Amino acid sequence: MNYGQALADILAAQTNLPIEEIIPAIETPPDPKMGHLAFPCFRLAKALKKAPPVIASELAEKIEASRPTWLGQAVATGPYVNIFFDRGVFAADVLVEVLDAGQEYGSLHQGNDQKVLVEYSSPNIAKHFHVGHLGSTIIGKALDNVYRFLGYDVTSINHLGDWGTQFGKLVTAYLKWGSHEEIEKTEIDGLVKLYVKFHEEAEKDPSLDDDARAWVVKMQNGNEEGLILWRWFIELSMSEYNRLYKRMGVCFDLIRGESYYSDKMDAVAQELSAKGLLIESEGAKIVDLEDHGMPPCLILRSDGGTLYPTRDIAAAIDRYNTFKFDKCLYVTGNEQSLHFAQWMKVVELMGHEWAKGLVHIPYGMFLFEGGKLSTRKGDVIKMEDLFNMAEEKTLAIIEEKNPELANKKLVAQQVGIGAIVFNKLYTSRMKDTMFSWERALSFEGESGPYVQYTHARTCSVLRKALSGGSTLDFSEMALAMVSKPSFNGNLLTEDETFDVLRLLKDFPRKVEECAEKYEPYIIARHLMDLSQGFNAFYHKHTILVDDNEPLRLARLVLTAAVRQVLKTGLGLLGIASPAVM
C-alpha cells in the first residue's frame, strides 16, 4: 500500500487541493513518535482565512471521522496534521508485500526498459589493478546492479586504457631488455619493471623517447611486430584483471579499449571543424569554452595527435549510434571532473540532443590509516594484495570464533572482500574514504561483516524454526508462513518491531533514491539501520517462543522479511550474503 497516496486522497477530498500539490507537501517526521506522516497546513491559511493550527485541528477531526482501516490516529500538532498508522494493519501489509515479491521486493520496474550504459573500472593495460580502480569498480557495479533491478536495460562497459605513447615505450623496452620467458612468468610485474627501466634509461639517453614515438606511429600504421606485442600485453593484463573481477563478482557486457576508437577520431575533428567549433591555438586545435567558464578543450596536438577528449567524444558518438542510450554514466575519480565537463560540453555544442544523457559520476579517494599497505616502498597497493590480506584476516577471525564453520575459506572471501566494498560504499561517494582493518572487519560496528552477520542470524533463526534443516528454502517457507490464516499483524506492534517494519517499507524508496542520486551509500546506510533495528528487536523479544504459536509465527514472518531485504540490498551493493558465519 502507498500510504502517502492514501493520505493524499483523503486530504484532497477534505481540502479541495489537487493531488499533485498535496503529494509533494506530505512529510515524514524526523521522530516516529511525532507521527508517521505529516501534512503542513500553511498553504490553506489564505484560502480558508484561518490560522494554520486551527486548520490542522479541524482537518485532523475530519480525518479521524473517516477512519480508514490503515489509520491509527490523526493528531493536530501546531500547524501540522500528524498521521499515525494502525500498527497491526501496517505490519500485515508490509510483510505480505515483502514476501510476496520475494527477491523482486524493492523494484517496481520503473525503468521501463530505458537504455542505460554504465562505464566503470577502466584500468590501464600493462599496469597493475590497484586500489585507485576500486572506487570506480565497486560504485559502478552497484549502480549497474541497481539500474538492472529497477527495470532499465543496462549495458556495462569496461573502457580499457590500451593505446597511446606508453605502449611505444613498452615495446621499445621489451625489444631492448625483455624476454618472452621472463614476461610469461612475471606477467604485469615484468611489464611494469620494463616500463620503469625505460624511464630510467631515457633520462640518460633521450633518443629512447624518439624510438618510442616511432613505434607508436608504426603501430598506428599497422606494423605487425608492434601490434603482436601490444596484443600480448593486453592478454597478460586481462589475465590479472579477470582474476580479480571474478573474486569481486564483476563482469561486463562490453570490454573495449581506447584503440577501438582510433579510426573514429578524424570524424570528430572534421565535424567540429565543419560546425565552426574547432580553432587553432599555438599549433594545436581546440574548442574554446571560455563562455562556459572552462579552459579550452584540446582536440588535436600540434603534431596532429589525438588526446583523451577526442577519444571520449568519439566513444560517446559511437555508443549513441550503437545503443541509442537514454543515459550514459561514467564512474571515475573526482580529479577527472573538469575533463568530463569539458568534453561533454563540446558534445552539447556539436548539437547532439542526446548529450543531456551523459553523466559523470565522480568519487573521492580510498585512503589508508598508517599509510600504504604495500611492503615495498613506492609501490601502488595492488588489489590482489589487499584482497588476500582481507581474506587472511577474516579467516583468522573465523578460526578464533567459529573454527567448525564449513566452507571457511569461501566465507572468508565473501566477508573479507565484502568488508572492503562496504567500507567504500558506506559514505557518500564524493568523500574520501579512510580504510581501517579494525573498523572494516568488525562484527559489531558499522561494517559490512555486521550486516552480513545479521543476515546470517536471520537464517539461523529460520533454520531452527524448522528443526535445524540445512537445506531450507527460505523463499518457499516465507510464502507458506504469509499464507497461513494464523499470521496476525496485531502481534507485531512493539516499538522495536515497528521500527523494523518501517525500515522494510522504506527499502524500495531508498533503492530508487540511490538511482536518482547515483549514491550507493543510501542503500548501505539503510541496510545498516535495518540490521541495527533487527538486532534491537532480536535482543528484546524472543522469536521462537514455545507457548504462543501465533506470536512465534508472526515474528518468524518478520525475520524472513528482514532476511530477504538484507540479501537483496547486499546483492545490489555487490556483496555476498552467507547464510552461516
Protein backbone atom coordinates (compact mmCIF):
# COMPACT_ATOMS: atom_id res chain seq x y z
CA MET A 1 0.00 0.00 0.00
CA ASN A 2 1.15 3.53 -0.79
CA TYR A 3 0.34 5.35 2.45
CA GLY A 4 1.35 8.73 1.10
CA GLN A 5 -1.07 8.33 -1.81
CA ALA A 6 -3.83 7.12 0.53
CA LEU A 7 -3.37 10.16 2.77
CA ALA A 8 -3.27 12.46 -0.25
CA ASP A 9 -6.62 11.07 -1.45
CA ILE A 10 -8.21 11.85 1.92
CA LEU A 11 -6.68 15.34 2.07
CA ALA A 12 -7.83 16.10 -1.48
CA ALA A 13 -11.40 15.21 -0.53
CA GLN A 14 -11.26 17.34 2.62
CA THR A 15 -9.43 20.41 1.25
CA ASN A 16 -10.21 20.52 -2.49
CA LEU A 17 -6.49 20.85 -3.15
CA PRO A 18 -5.30 18.98 -6.25
CA ILE A 19 -3.47 15.70 -5.60
CA GLU A 20 -0.36 16.91 -7.45
CA GLU A 21 0.00 19.73 -4.88
CA ILE A 22 -0.64 17.55 -1.86
CA ILE A 23 1.76 14.67 -2.51
CA PRO A 24 4.97 16.79 -2.58
CA ALA A 25 3.84 18.54 0.63
CA ILE A 26 3.46 15.34 2.68
CA GLU A 27 6.40 14.89 5.03
CA THR A 28 7.90 12.13 7.15
CA PRO A 29 8.50 13.46 10.69
CA PRO A 30 12.09 13.01 11.94
CA ASP A 31 10.84 11.17 15.04
CA PRO A 32 8.18 8.44 14.61
CA LYS A 33 6.75 9.45 18.00
CA MET A 34 5.55 12.64 16.29
CA GLY A 35 3.77 10.66 13.58
CA HIS A 36 4.48 8.52 10.56
CA LEU A 37 3.32 11.08 8.01
CA ALA A 38 2.60 14.79 8.36
CA PHE A 39 0.84 17.49 6.33
CA PRO A 40 1.63 21.20 6.89
CA CYS A 41 -1.44 23.45 6.68
CA PHE A 42 0.25 26.78 5.87
CA ARG A 43 -0.85 26.76 2.24
CA LEU A 44 -4.54 26.58 3.30
CA ALA A 45 -4.44 29.65 5.55
CA LYS A 46 -5.07 32.24 2.83
CA ALA A 47 -7.92 30.38 1.15
CA LEU A 48 -9.70 29.46 4.41
CA LYS A 49 -8.82 32.69 6.23
CA LYS A 50 -7.84 30.75 9.34
CA ALA A 51 -4.63 30.21 11.24
CA PRO A 52 -2.74 27.03 10.25
CA PRO A 53 -3.07 25.46 13.77
CA VAL A 54 -6.85 25.90 13.62
CA ILE A 55 -6.99 24.35 10.15
CA ALA A 56 -4.82 21.44 11.33
CA SER A 57 -7.13 20.79 14.27
CA GLU A 58 -10.27 20.79 12.11
CA LEU A 59 -8.64 18.65 9.43
CA ALA A 60 -7.46 16.09 12.00
CA GLU A 61 -11.03 15.75 13.32
CA LYS A 62 -12.39 15.15 9.80
CA ILE A 63 -9.73 12.55 9.03
CA GLU A 64 -10.44 10.82 12.36
CA ALA A 65 -14.12 10.72 11.47
CA SER A 66 -13.41 9.00 8.14
CA ARG A 67 -11.14 6.42 9.85
CA PRO A 68 -9.79 4.19 7.04
CA THR A 69 -8.58 0.78 8.20
CA TRP A 70 -4.90 1.72 7.93
CA LEU A 71 -5.28 4.82 10.12
CA GLY A 72 -4.33 4.59 13.77
CA GLN A 73 -4.75 8.25 14.68
CA ALA A 74 -4.77 11.76 13.21
CA VAL A 75 -3.44 14.44 15.57
CA ALA A 76 -3.03 18.19 15.17
CA THR A 77 0.36 19.42 16.39
CA GLY A 78 0.63 23.14 15.80
CA PRO A 79 0.20 23.80 12.05
CA TYR A 80 0.70 20.10 11.18
CA VAL A 81 -1.68 17.18 10.87
CA ASN A 82 0.32 14.19 12.06
CA ILE A 83 -0.79 10.74 10.94
CA PHE A 84 -0.14 7.51 12.83
CA PHE A 85 -0.64 4.16 11.11
CA ASP A 86 -2.56 1.28 12.64
CA ARG A 87 0.46 -0.87 13.56
CA GLY A 88 -1.27 -4.21 13.07
CA VAL A 89 -2.57 -3.33 9.62
CA PHE A 90 0.80 -1.82 8.71
CA ALA A 91 2.66 -4.96 9.82
CA ALA A 92 0.47 -7.29 7.76
CA ASP A 93 0.62 -5.01 4.73
CA VAL A 94 4.42 -4.67 4.77
CA LEU A 95 5.24 -8.31 5.41
CA VAL A 96 2.87 -9.69 2.81
CA GLU A 97 4.26 -7.20 0.29
CA VAL A 98 7.90 -8.12 1.01
CA LEU A 99 7.43 -11.87 0.98
CA ASP A 100 5.03 -12.00 -1.94
CA ALA A 101 7.53 -10.02 -4.04
CA GLY A 102 10.50 -12.02 -2.73
CA GLN A 103 13.75 -11.13 -4.50
CA GLU A 104 11.86 -8.54 -6.57
CA TYR A 105 10.88 -6.53 -3.49
CA GLY A 106 12.25 -3.02 -3.82
CA SER A 107 11.66 -2.71 -7.56
CA LEU A 108 8.54 -1.57 -9.35
CA HIS A 109 10.40 -1.98 -12.65
CA GLN A 110 10.08 1.75 -13.12
CA GLY A 111 12.93 1.76 -15.62
CA ASN A 112 10.56 0.60 -18.37
CA ASP A 113 13.49 -0.76 -20.40
CA GLN A 114 15.08 2.66 -20.86
CA LYS A 115 18.63 2.17 -22.13
CA VAL A 116 21.44 2.94 -19.67
CA LEU A 117 25.16 2.44 -20.26
CA VAL A 118 27.46 2.30 -17.24
CA GLU A 119 31.20 2.69 -17.83
CA TYR A 120 33.32 1.74 -14.86
CA SER A 121 36.61 0.19 -13.65
CA SER A 122 38.62 1.01 -16.82
CA PRO A 123 42.18 0.08 -15.80
CA ASN A 124 45.25 0.84 -17.89
CA ILE A 125 46.77 -2.10 -19.75
CA ALA A 126 50.23 -3.26 -18.59
CA LYS A 127 49.69 -1.74 -15.15
CA HIS A 128 48.53 -3.48 -12.00
CA PHE A 129 44.89 -3.36 -10.94
CA HIS A 130 45.34 -1.25 -7.81
CA VAL A 131 43.23 0.50 -5.19
CA GLY A 132 42.88 3.52 -7.46
CA HIS A 133 40.48 1.39 -9.52
CA LEU A 134 38.50 0.20 -6.51
CA GLY A 135 36.11 3.14 -6.27
CA SER A 136 35.18 3.07 -9.94
CA THR A 137 34.70 -0.69 -9.94
CA ILE A 138 32.53 -1.07 -6.87
CA ILE A 139 30.49 2.13 -7.29
CA GLY A 140 29.96 1.32 -10.96
CA LYS A 141 28.98 -2.27 -10.19
CA ALA A 142 26.49 -1.14 -7.55
CA LEU A 143 24.84 1.33 -9.96
CA ASP A 144 24.88 -1.33 -12.68
CA ASN A 145 23.03 -3.69 -10.30
CA VAL A 146 20.55 -1.06 -9.12
CA TYR A 147 19.56 0.09 -12.60
CA ARG A 148 19.05 -3.51 -13.76
CA PHE A 149 16.99 -4.20 -10.63
CA LEU A 150 14.76 -1.21 -11.36
CA GLY A 151 13.96 -2.48 -14.84
CA TYR A 152 16.37 -0.49 -17.01
CA ASP A 153 18.06 -2.08 -20.00
CA VAL A 154 21.68 -1.84 -18.87
CA THR A 155 24.94 -2.41 -20.73
CA SER A 156 28.06 -2.36 -18.57
CA ILE A 157 31.27 -1.20 -20.24
CA ASN A 158 34.92 -1.59 -19.26
CA HIS A 159 36.80 1.13 -21.19
CA LEU A 160 40.43 -0.02 -21.12
CA GLY A 161 43.40 2.32 -21.41
CA ASP A 162 45.12 0.34 -24.16
CA TRP A 163 46.55 2.93 -26.58
CA GLY A 164 48.99 5.80 -26.58
CA THR A 165 52.63 6.71 -26.09
CA GLN A 166 53.15 4.35 -23.14
CA PHE A 167 52.86 1.37 -25.47
CA GLY A 168 55.58 2.73 -27.72
CA LYS A 169 57.76 2.93 -24.63
CA LEU A 170 56.85 -0.59 -23.57
CA VAL A 171 57.54 -2.08 -26.99
CA THR A 172 60.90 -0.29 -27.07
CA ALA A 173 61.78 -1.51 -23.59
CA TYR A 174 60.78 -5.09 -24.33
CA LEU A 175 62.80 -5.27 -27.53
CA LYS A 176 65.89 -3.88 -25.78
CA TRP A 177 65.78 -5.59 -22.37
CA GLY A 178 62.87 -8.05 -22.21
CA SER A 179 62.48 -11.77 -22.75
CA HIS A 180 59.37 -13.78 -23.57
CA GLU A 181 60.06 -16.37 -20.87
CA GLU A 182 60.53 -13.77 -18.14
CA ILE A 183 57.38 -11.82 -19.02
CA GLU A 184 55.28 -15.01 -19.26
CA LYS A 185 56.48 -15.90 -15.77
CA THR A 186 56.14 -12.48 -14.14
CA GLU A 187 53.20 -11.07 -16.19
CA ILE A 188 52.35 -7.49 -15.23
CA ASP A 189 55.19 -7.31 -12.71
CA GLY A 190 57.61 -7.81 -15.59
CA LEU A 191 55.86 -5.25 -17.79
CA VAL A 192 55.91 -2.66 -15.02
CA LYS A 193 59.64 -3.25 -14.45
CA LEU A 194 60.31 -2.75 -18.16
CA TYR A 195 58.27 0.48 -18.15
CA VAL A 196 60.21 1.79 -15.13
CA LYS A 197 63.52 0.79 -16.71
CA PHE A 198 62.60 2.67 -19.89
CA HIS A 199 62.15 5.92 -17.95
CA GLU A 200 65.38 5.39 -16.03
CA GLU A 201 67.33 4.78 -19.25
CA ALA A 202 65.57 7.60 -21.14
CA GLU A 203 66.94 10.09 -18.62
CA LYS A 204 70.42 9.05 -19.72
CA ASP A 205 69.57 8.58 -23.41
CA PRO A 206 66.74 10.88 -24.62
CA SER A 207 66.81 9.19 -28.05
CA LEU A 208 64.79 6.37 -26.47
CA ASP A 209 61.80 8.72 -26.42
CA ASP A 210 62.20 9.16 -30.18
CA ASP A 211 62.24 5.37 -30.56
CA ALA A 212 59.04 5.09 -28.51
CA ARG A 213 57.25 7.73 -30.58
CA ALA A 214 58.39 5.98 -33.74
CA TRP A 215 56.86 2.72 -32.52
CA VAL A 216 53.55 4.46 -31.82
CA VAL A 217 53.47 5.71 -35.43
CA LYS A 218 54.41 2.25 -36.71
CA MET A 219 51.59 0.62 -34.76
CA GLN A 220 49.14 3.26 -35.93
CA ASN A 221 50.19 2.35 -39.48
CA GLY A 222 49.63 -1.38 -38.84
CA ASN A 223 53.14 -2.62 -38.03
CA GLU A 224 52.57 -6.28 -37.17
CA GLU A 225 55.61 -6.74 -34.92
CA GLY A 226 54.47 -3.94 -32.62
CA LEU A 227 50.82 -4.99 -32.72
CA ILE A 228 51.63 -8.61 -31.82
CA LEU A 229 53.47 -7.41 -28.72
CA TRP A 230 50.67 -4.96 -27.91
CA ARG A 231 48.03 -7.73 -28.10
CA TRP A 232 50.19 -9.91 -25.86
CA PHE A 233 50.47 -7.14 -23.28
CA ILE A 234 46.67 -6.85 -23.29
CA GLU A 235 46.27 -10.60 -22.86
CA LEU A 236 48.65 -10.68 -19.89
CA SER A 237 46.89 -7.71 -18.28
CA MET A 238 43.40 -9.13 -18.72
CA SER A 239 44.51 -12.35 -17.04
CA GLU A 240 45.11 -10.41 -13.81
CA TYR A 241 42.05 -8.20 -14.20
CA ASN A 242 39.67 -11.10 -14.86
CA ARG A 243 41.05 -12.99 -11.88
CA LEU A 244 40.18 -10.04 -9.64
CA TYR A 245 36.83 -9.35 -11.29
CA LYS A 246 35.86 -12.97 -10.60
CA ARG A 247 36.70 -12.57 -6.91
CA MET A 248 34.55 -9.42 -6.79
CA GLY A 249 31.66 -10.92 -8.77
CA VAL A 250 32.11 -8.31 -11.50
CA CYS A 251 31.52 -8.97 -15.18
CA PHE A 252 31.00 -6.67 -18.17
CA ASP A 253 28.72 -6.79 -21.19
CA LEU A 254 31.27 -4.93 -23.29
CA ILE A 255 35.05 -4.61 -22.93
CA ARG A 256 36.63 -2.10 -25.31
CA GLY A 257 39.84 -0.20 -25.25
CA GLU A 258 40.61 3.28 -26.47
CA SER A 259 42.21 1.63 -29.50
CA TYR A 260 38.77 0.64 -30.79
CA TYR A 261 38.03 4.30 -31.48
CA SER A 262 41.34 5.13 -33.18
CA ASP A 263 39.74 5.17 -36.66
CA LYS A 264 36.77 7.23 -35.45
CA MET A 265 38.59 10.31 -34.18
CA ASP A 266 39.23 12.00 -37.51
CA ALA A 267 35.46 12.22 -37.94
CA VAL A 268 35.21 14.08 -34.62
CA ALA A 269 37.72 16.71 -35.71
CA GLN A 270 36.03 17.04 -39.11
CA GLU A 271 32.58 17.52 -37.53
CA LEU A 272 33.92 20.11 -35.09
CA SER A 273 35.61 21.94 -37.94
CA ALA A 274 32.50 21.83 -40.15
CA LYS A 275 30.41 23.29 -37.32
CA GLY A 276 32.89 26.11 -36.73
CA LEU A 277 33.88 24.93 -33.26
CA LEU A 278 37.49 23.94 -33.92
CA ILE A 279 40.05 26.74 -33.78
CA GLU A 280 43.84 26.80 -33.84
CA SER A 281 45.82 27.79 -30.76
CA GLU A 282 49.64 27.64 -30.72
CA GLY A 283 49.56 24.96 -33.37
CA ALA A 284 47.03 22.80 -31.55
CA LYS A 285 43.29 22.51 -32.33
CA ILE A 286 40.92 23.41 -29.53
CA VAL A 287 37.28 24.17 -28.73
CA ASP A 288 37.03 27.46 -26.84
CA LEU A 289 34.94 27.03 -23.67
CA GLU A 290 35.61 30.42 -22.07
CA ASP A 291 31.95 31.42 -22.37
CA HIS A 292 31.09 28.31 -20.34
CA GLY A 293 33.55 29.03 -17.54
CA MET A 294 36.09 26.37 -18.52
CA PRO A 295 39.55 26.23 -20.08
CA PRO A 296 39.72 25.28 -23.78
CA CYS A 297 39.19 21.64 -24.67
CA LEU A 298 42.20 20.26 -26.58
CA ILE A 299 41.18 18.11 -29.54
CA LEU A 300 44.38 17.73 -31.59
CA ARG A 301 48.01 18.25 -30.57
CA SER A 302 50.26 20.40 -32.71
CA ASP A 303 51.59 17.22 -34.37
CA GLY A 304 48.04 16.13 -35.21
CA GLY A 305 47.84 13.51 -32.48
CA THR A 306 44.58 12.95 -30.62
CA LEU A 307 44.00 13.40 -26.90
CA TYR A 308 41.69 11.94 -24.25
CA PRO A 309 38.82 14.36 -25.04
CA THR A 310 38.93 13.36 -28.71
CA ARG A 311 38.73 9.68 -27.78
CA ASP A 312 35.91 10.17 -25.28
CA ILE A 313 33.85 12.20 -27.77
CA ALA A 314 34.40 9.54 -30.44
CA ALA A 315 33.39 6.81 -27.97
CA ALA A 316 30.24 8.68 -26.90
CA ILE A 317 29.13 9.20 -30.51
CA ASP A 318 29.78 5.55 -31.33
CA ARG A 319 27.88 4.39 -28.26
CA TYR A 320 24.86 6.51 -29.06
CA ASN A 321 24.83 5.32 -32.65
CA THR A 322 25.04 1.73 -31.41
CA PHE A 323 22.73 1.75 -28.39
CA LYS A 324 20.57 4.92 -28.64
CA PHE A 325 21.02 5.27 -24.89
CA ASP A 326 18.85 7.38 -22.58
CA LYS A 327 21.75 7.74 -20.13
CA CYS A 328 25.46 7.02 -20.34
CA LEU A 329 27.13 7.02 -16.91
CA TYR A 330 30.89 7.45 -16.39
CA VAL A 331 32.23 6.46 -12.96
CA THR A 332 35.70 7.96 -12.38
CA GLY A 333 37.66 9.81 -9.71
CA ASN A 334 36.69 13.41 -8.99
CA GLU A 335 40.09 14.59 -10.25
CA GLN A 336 38.71 14.00 -13.76
CA SER A 337 35.65 16.21 -13.26
CA LEU A 338 36.96 19.08 -15.41
CA HIS A 339 37.90 16.70 -18.23
CA PHE A 340 34.39 15.24 -18.35
CA ALA A 341 32.71 18.62 -18.03
CA GLN A 342 34.76 19.90 -20.98
CA TRP A 343 34.21 17.14 -23.50
CA MET A 344 30.55 16.69 -22.55
CA LYS A 345 30.03 20.41 -23.15
CA VAL A 346 31.74 20.02 -26.54
CA VAL A 347 29.29 17.23 -27.47
CA GLU A 348 26.42 19.52 -26.46
CA LEU A 349 27.85 22.37 -28.58
CA MET A 350 28.05 19.97 -31.52
CA GLY A 351 24.27 19.92 -31.38
CA HIS A 352 23.77 16.34 -30.25
CA GLU A 353 20.48 16.28 -28.34
CA TRP A 354 21.47 13.08 -26.55
CA ALA A 355 24.33 14.93 -24.77
CA LYS A 356 21.91 15.61 -21.91
CA GLY A 357 22.08 11.89 -21.11
CA LEU A 358 25.85 11.97 -20.50
CA VAL A 359 26.52 11.86 -16.75
CA HIS A 360 29.86 11.95 -14.95
CA ILE A 361 29.77 10.26 -11.54
CA PRO A 362 32.88 11.31 -9.60
CA TYR A 363 34.06 9.84 -6.30
CA GLY A 364 36.66 10.54 -3.62
CA MET A 365 39.93 8.78 -2.82
CA PHE A 366 40.45 5.50 -0.99
CA LEU A 367 42.93 6.20 1.83
CA PHE A 368 44.58 4.02 4.44
CA GLU A 369 45.31 4.59 8.11
CA GLY A 370 49.04 4.41 8.68
CA GLY A 371 49.91 4.95 5.04
CA LYS A 372 50.27 2.39 2.29
CA LEU A 373 49.76 -1.30 2.93
CA SER A 374 52.45 -2.25 0.44
CA THR A 375 55.60 -3.85 1.81
CA ARG A 376 57.78 -2.38 -0.94
CA LYS A 377 58.41 1.33 -0.77
CA GLY A 378 56.91 3.29 -3.60
CA ASP A 379 54.68 0.53 -4.98
CA VAL A 380 50.98 1.04 -5.53
CA ILE A 381 48.64 -1.05 -3.39
CA LYS A 382 47.61 -3.93 -5.61
CA MET A 383 44.02 -5.09 -5.29
CA GLU A 384 45.20 -8.69 -5.25
CA ASP A 385 47.35 -7.99 -2.18
CA LEU A 386 44.50 -6.12 -0.49
CA PHE A 387 42.02 -8.93 -1.16
CA ASN A 388 44.47 -11.59 0.01
CA MET A 389 45.09 -9.69 3.21
CA ALA A 390 41.35 -9.21 3.80
CA GLU A 391 40.69 -12.91 3.36
CA GLU A 392 43.60 -13.91 5.61
CA LYS A 393 42.49 -11.57 8.39
CA THR A 394 38.88 -12.74 8.11
CA LEU A 395 39.91 -16.38 8.15
CA ALA A 396 41.89 -15.75 11.34
CA ILE A 397 38.77 -14.26 12.97
CA ILE A 398 36.69 -17.27 11.86
CA GLU A 399 39.31 -19.70 13.22
CA GLU A 400 39.10 -17.90 16.55
CA LYS A 401 35.32 -17.51 16.81
CA ASN A 402 33.84 -20.38 14.78
CA PRO A 403 36.54 -22.93 13.91
CA GLU A 404 33.98 -25.63 12.99
CA LEU A 405 32.40 -23.47 10.29
CA ALA A 406 32.03 -25.28 6.96
CA ASN A 407 33.45 -23.64 3.82
CA LYS A 408 35.64 -21.34 5.92
CA LYS A 409 37.73 -20.13 3.01
CA LEU A 410 34.69 -19.24 0.91
CA VAL A 411 33.08 -17.38 3.81
CA ALA A 412 36.39 -15.61 4.50
CA GLN A 413 36.49 -14.45 0.88
CA GLN A 414 32.85 -13.27 0.95
CA VAL A 415 33.26 -11.44 4.25
CA GLY A 416 36.76 -10.07 3.59
CA ILE A 417 36.00 -8.62 0.17
CA GLY A 418 32.54 -7.57 1.35
CA ALA A 419 34.18 -5.58 4.15
CA ILE A 420 36.32 -3.65 1.67
CA VAL A 421 33.38 -2.95 -0.63
CA PHE A 422 31.02 -1.91 2.17
CA ASN A 423 33.67 0.35 3.71
CA LYS A 424 33.83 2.37 0.47
CA LEU A 425 30.09 2.39 -0.21
CA TYR A 426 29.07 3.37 3.32
CA THR A 427 29.92 7.04 2.79
CA SER A 428 28.84 9.47 0.09
CA ARG A 429 30.91 8.73 -2.99
CA MET A 430 32.36 12.26 -3.14
CA LYS A 431 34.01 11.88 0.27
CA ASP A 432 37.46 10.40 0.67
CA THR A 433 37.26 7.04 2.44
CA MET A 434 39.69 6.23 5.23
CA PHE A 435 40.20 2.48 5.42
CA SER A 436 40.93 0.75 8.73
CA TRP A 437 41.16 -3.03 9.10
CA GLU A 438 39.82 -2.83 12.64
CA ARG A 439 36.68 -0.97 11.58
CA ALA A 440 36.16 -2.73 8.25
CA LEU A 441 36.32 -6.25 9.72
CA SER A 442 34.40 -5.51 12.92
CA PHE A 443 31.39 -7.74 13.53
CA GLU A 444 29.93 -5.19 15.93
CA GLY A 445 30.46 -1.76 14.37
CA GLU A 446 29.11 -0.09 11.26
CA SER A 447 30.67 -2.54 8.83
CA GLY A 448 29.92 -4.99 6.07
CA PRO A 449 30.53 -8.04 8.31
CA TYR A 450 27.96 -6.67 10.78
CA VAL A 451 25.28 -6.55 8.09
CA GLN A 452 26.33 -9.96 6.73
CA TYR A 453 26.25 -11.41 10.25
CA THR A 454 22.75 -10.03 10.78
CA HIS A 455 21.65 -11.77 7.59
CA ALA A 456 23.25 -15.00 8.85
CA ARG A 457 21.44 -14.53 12.18
CA THR A 458 18.06 -14.37 10.42
CA CYS A 459 18.97 -17.55 8.53
CA SER A 460 19.92 -19.25 11.79
CA VAL A 461 16.59 -18.36 13.39
CA LEU A 462 14.67 -19.67 10.40
CA ARG A 463 16.69 -22.90 10.33
CA LYS A 464 15.97 -23.51 13.99
CA ALA A 465 12.29 -22.91 13.34
CA LEU A 466 12.31 -25.92 11.03
CA SER A 467 14.21 -28.13 13.45
CA GLY A 468 17.67 -27.38 12.09
CA GLY A 469 17.09 -28.30 8.46
CA SER A 470 20.20 -27.37 6.50
CA THR A 471 18.61 -27.27 3.03
CA LEU A 472 15.93 -24.76 3.89
CA ASP A 473 14.31 -22.89 1.01
CA PHE A 474 13.66 -19.61 2.78
CA SER A 475 11.51 -18.18 -0.02
CA GLU A 476 9.08 -21.09 -0.05
CA MET A 477 8.91 -21.13 3.73
CA ALA A 478 8.27 -17.40 3.90
CA LEU A 479 5.42 -17.57 1.39
CA ALA A 480 3.91 -20.50 3.29
CA MET A 481 4.02 -18.51 6.52
CA VAL A 482 2.36 -15.48 4.96
CA SER A 483 -0.44 -17.58 3.50
CA LYS A 484 -1.37 -19.09 6.86
CA PRO A 485 -4.55 -17.52 8.26
CA SER A 486 -2.99 -17.56 11.73
CA PHE A 487 -0.46 -14.86 10.75
CA ASN A 488 -1.59 -11.87 12.80
CA GLY A 489 -0.12 -8.42 12.26
CA ASN A 490 -1.64 -7.21 15.53
CA LEU A 491 1.04 -9.24 17.32
CA LEU A 492 3.78 -7.07 15.81
CA THR A 493 3.12 -3.68 17.38
CA GLU A 494 6.01 -3.19 19.83
CA ASP A 495 8.22 -0.16 19.24
CA GLU A 496 11.28 -2.23 18.21
CA THR A 497 9.16 -4.32 15.87
CA PHE A 498 7.52 -1.30 14.29
CA ASP A 499 10.92 0.30 13.71
CA VAL A 500 11.94 -2.76 11.68
CA LEU A 501 8.68 -2.70 9.73
CA ARG A 502 9.14 0.96 8.81
CA LEU A 503 12.64 0.22 7.50
CA LEU A 504 11.35 -2.69 5.44
CA LYS A 505 8.62 -0.49 3.99
CA ASP A 506 11.13 2.23 3.11
CA PHE A 507 13.53 -0.04 1.22
CA PRO A 508 12.04 0.49 -2.30
CA ARG A 509 12.24 4.27 -1.87
CA LYS A 510 15.90 4.02 -0.86
CA VAL A 511 16.72 1.95 -3.94
CA GLU A 512 15.02 4.47 -6.19
CA GLU A 513 16.78 7.35 -4.43
CA CYS A 514 20.12 5.60 -4.98
CA ALA A 515 19.44 5.51 -8.73
CA GLU A 516 18.27 9.13 -8.82
CA LYS A 517 21.33 10.46 -6.95
CA TYR A 518 23.88 7.85 -8.14
CA GLU A 519 24.66 7.22 -4.46
CA PRO A 520 25.01 3.56 -3.35
CA TYR A 521 25.66 4.72 0.20
CA ILE A 522 21.92 5.36 0.54
CA ILE A 523 21.32 1.61 0.33
CA ALA A 524 24.35 0.77 2.51
CA ARG A 525 23.17 3.11 5.28
CA HIS A 526 19.65 1.71 5.08
CA LEU A 527 20.92 -1.85 5.43
CA MET A 528 22.89 -0.77 8.49
CA ASP A 529 19.77 0.82 10.01
CA LEU A 530 17.77 -2.33 9.27
CA SER A 531 20.47 -4.56 10.79
CA GLN A 532 20.65 -2.45 13.92
CA GLY A 533 16.86 -2.36 14.13
CA PHE A 534 16.51 -6.12 13.74
CA ASN A 535 19.22 -6.80 16.34
CA ALA A 536 17.46 -4.50 18.81
CA PHE A 537 14.24 -6.46 18.15
CA TYR A 538 16.10 -9.79 18.43
CA HIS A 539 17.64 -8.95 21.81
CA LYS A 540 14.40 -7.54 23.27
CA HIS A 541 11.89 -10.13 22.01
CA THR A 542 12.09 -13.92 21.86
CA ILE A 543 11.30 -15.07 18.34
CA LEU A 544 10.98 -18.83 18.84
CA VAL A 545 8.53 -18.63 21.75
CA ASP A 546 7.38 -22.08 22.86
CA ASP A 547 3.96 -21.34 24.30
CA ASN A 548 2.45 -18.94 21.76
CA GLU A 549 2.32 -20.31 18.21
CA PRO A 550 0.63 -17.24 16.64
CA LEU A 551 3.29 -14.91 18.11
CA ARG A 552 6.09 -17.26 17.06
CA LEU A 553 4.71 -17.35 13.53
CA ALA A 554 4.33 -13.56 13.29
CA ARG A 555 7.91 -12.97 14.46
CA LEU A 556 9.22 -15.60 12.04
CA VAL A 557 7.45 -13.83 9.19
CA LEU A 558 9.16 -10.60 10.22
CA THR A 559 12.53 -12.39 10.38
CA ALA A 560 12.03 -13.89 6.91
CA ALA A 561 11.22 -10.45 5.50
CA VAL A 562 14.36 -8.92 7.06
CA ARG A 563 16.44 -11.76 5.61
CA GLN A 564 15.02 -11.09 2.14
CA VAL A 565 15.70 -7.34 2.20
CA LEU A 566 19.22 -7.74 3.60
CA LYS A 567 20.04 -10.33 0.94
CA THR A 568 18.62 -8.14 -1.84
CA GLY A 569 20.33 -5.00 -0.58
CA LEU A 570 23.73 -6.64 -0.15
CA GLY A 571 23.39 -8.11 -3.63
CA LEU A 572 22.71 -4.66 -5.08
CA LEU A 573 25.93 -3.43 -3.48
CA GLY A 574 27.84 -6.37 -4.97
CA ILE A 575 28.32 -8.08 -1.59
CA ALA A 576 27.67 -11.75 -0.84
CA SER A 577 25.25 -12.76 1.93
CA PRO A 578 26.48 -16.00 3.52
CA ALA A 579 23.81 -17.96 5.39
CA VAL A 580 26.28 -19.11 8.05
CA MET A 581 29.17 -17.18 9.60
